[in-house]
């Protein structure tokens, strides 16, 4: 694609609405995870979130883990839930 065609294509993209396309980055190439309705050779911009939220590896990593550890009336979630159900 010549630079002139590339600029014309880029100008056309700017007129379109923003699209979010899930993709996987492999071997230096972004590979869409679904069908994309774009003209072959279209130049696009890829914006990555600065700090993507990181998922905890375990429930134990959650900030709320263990908040009821010192409660004598809640020995475990199952016992506590059973007690609530029986009281209804």
Protein backbone atom coordinates (compact mmCIF):
# COMPACT_ATOMS: atom_id res chain seq x y z
CA UNK A 1 0.00 0.00 0.00
CA UNK A 2 1.42 3.35 -0.96
CA UNK A 3 1.80 6.07 1.69
CA UNK A 4 -0.85 8.14 -0.09
CA UNK A 5 -3.37 5.29 0.04
CA UNK A 6 -2.44 4.61 3.64
CA UNK A 7 -3.20 8.21 4.61
CA UNK A 8 -6.50 8.12 2.73
CA UNK A 9 -7.43 4.90 4.49
CA UNK A 10 -6.42 6.39 7.86
CA UNK A 11 -8.56 9.48 7.18
CA UNK A 12 -11.50 7.18 6.43
CA UNK A 13 -11.01 5.34 9.72
CA UNK A 14 -11.14 8.60 11.67
CA UNK A 15 -14.67 9.16 10.35
CA UNK A 16 -15.90 5.82 11.69
CA UNK A 17 -17.04 5.08 15.20
CA UNK A 18 -14.57 3.59 17.63
CA UNK A 19 -14.56 -0.20 17.72
CA UNK A 20 -13.32 -2.54 20.41
CA UNK A 21 -11.94 -5.75 18.96
CA UNK A 22 -10.73 -8.48 21.31
CA UNK A 23 -7.42 -9.80 20.04
CA UNK A 24 -4.50 -11.95 21.08
CA UNK A 25 -0.91 -10.79 20.54
CA UNK A 26 1.21 -13.65 19.16
CA UNK A 27 4.59 -13.55 17.44
CA UNK A 28 4.43 -9.79 16.90
CA UNK A 29 0.91 -9.86 15.38
CA UNK A 30 -2.47 -8.91 16.85
CA UNK A 31 -4.91 -11.68 15.92
CA UNK A 32 -8.62 -10.81 16.30
CA UNK A 33 -10.66 -13.30 18.30
CA UNK A 34 -13.78 -12.61 16.24
CA UNK A 35 -14.66 -11.55 12.70
CA UNK A 36 -13.73 -7.95 11.90
CA UNK A 37 -15.52 -5.90 9.26
CA UNK A 38 -12.57 -3.90 7.88
CA UNK A 39 -11.09 -3.51 4.44
CA UNK A 40 -7.89 -5.51 3.99
CA UNK A 41 -4.86 -3.27 4.53
CA UNK A 42 -6.73 -0.78 6.73
CA UNK A 43 -4.39 1.00 9.13
CA UNK A 44 -5.65 0.96 12.71
CA UNK A 45 -4.47 2.27 16.06
CA UNK A 46 -4.21 -0.08 19.02
CA UNK A 47 -4.79 1.42 22.46
CA UNK A 48 -3.90 -0.73 25.45
CA UNK A 49 -5.05 0.09 28.97
CA UNK A 50 -2.20 1.54 31.00
CA UNK A 51 -2.79 -0.62 34.04
CA UNK A 52 -5.00 -3.54 33.23
CA UNK A 53 -6.53 -4.87 36.44
CA UNK A 54 -4.71 -7.95 37.60
CA UNK A 55 -6.82 -10.84 38.77
CA UNK A 56 -5.91 -12.33 42.12
CA UNK A 57 -4.31 -15.75 41.84
CA UNK A 58 -6.38 -17.06 44.72
CA UNK A 59 -9.35 -16.03 46.85
CA UNK A 60 -6.82 -15.67 49.65
CA UNK A 61 -5.32 -12.71 47.74
CA UNK A 62 -8.60 -10.77 47.89
CA UNK A 63 -8.56 -7.90 50.36
CA UNK A 64 -11.77 -9.21 51.99
CA UNK A 65 -10.42 -12.70 52.67
CA UNK A 66 -10.56 -13.58 56.34
CA UNK A 67 -12.58 -10.57 57.52
CA UNK A 68 -14.76 -12.85 59.67
CA UNK A 69 -11.93 -15.06 60.91
CA UNK A 70 -12.32 -13.83 64.51
CA UNK A 71 -16.10 -14.34 64.66
CA UNK A 72 -17.20 -17.23 66.88
CA UNK A 73 -20.77 -17.20 65.52
CA UNK A 74 -19.58 -17.94 61.95
CA UNK A 75 -17.42 -21.09 62.04
CA UNK A 76 -17.73 -21.51 58.26
CA UNK A 77 -20.00 -20.29 55.44
CA UNK A 78 -22.06 -23.48 55.22
CA UNK A 79 -22.90 -23.58 58.93
CA UNK A 80 -23.76 -19.90 58.93
CA UNK A 81 -25.99 -20.22 55.85
CA UNK A 82 -27.78 -23.27 57.30
CA UNK A 83 -28.49 -21.36 60.51
CA UNK A 84 -30.01 -18.48 58.51
CA UNK A 85 -32.19 -20.84 56.47
CA UNK A 86 -33.49 -22.65 59.59
CA UNK A 87 -34.43 -19.36 61.25
CA UNK A 88 -36.79 -18.34 58.44
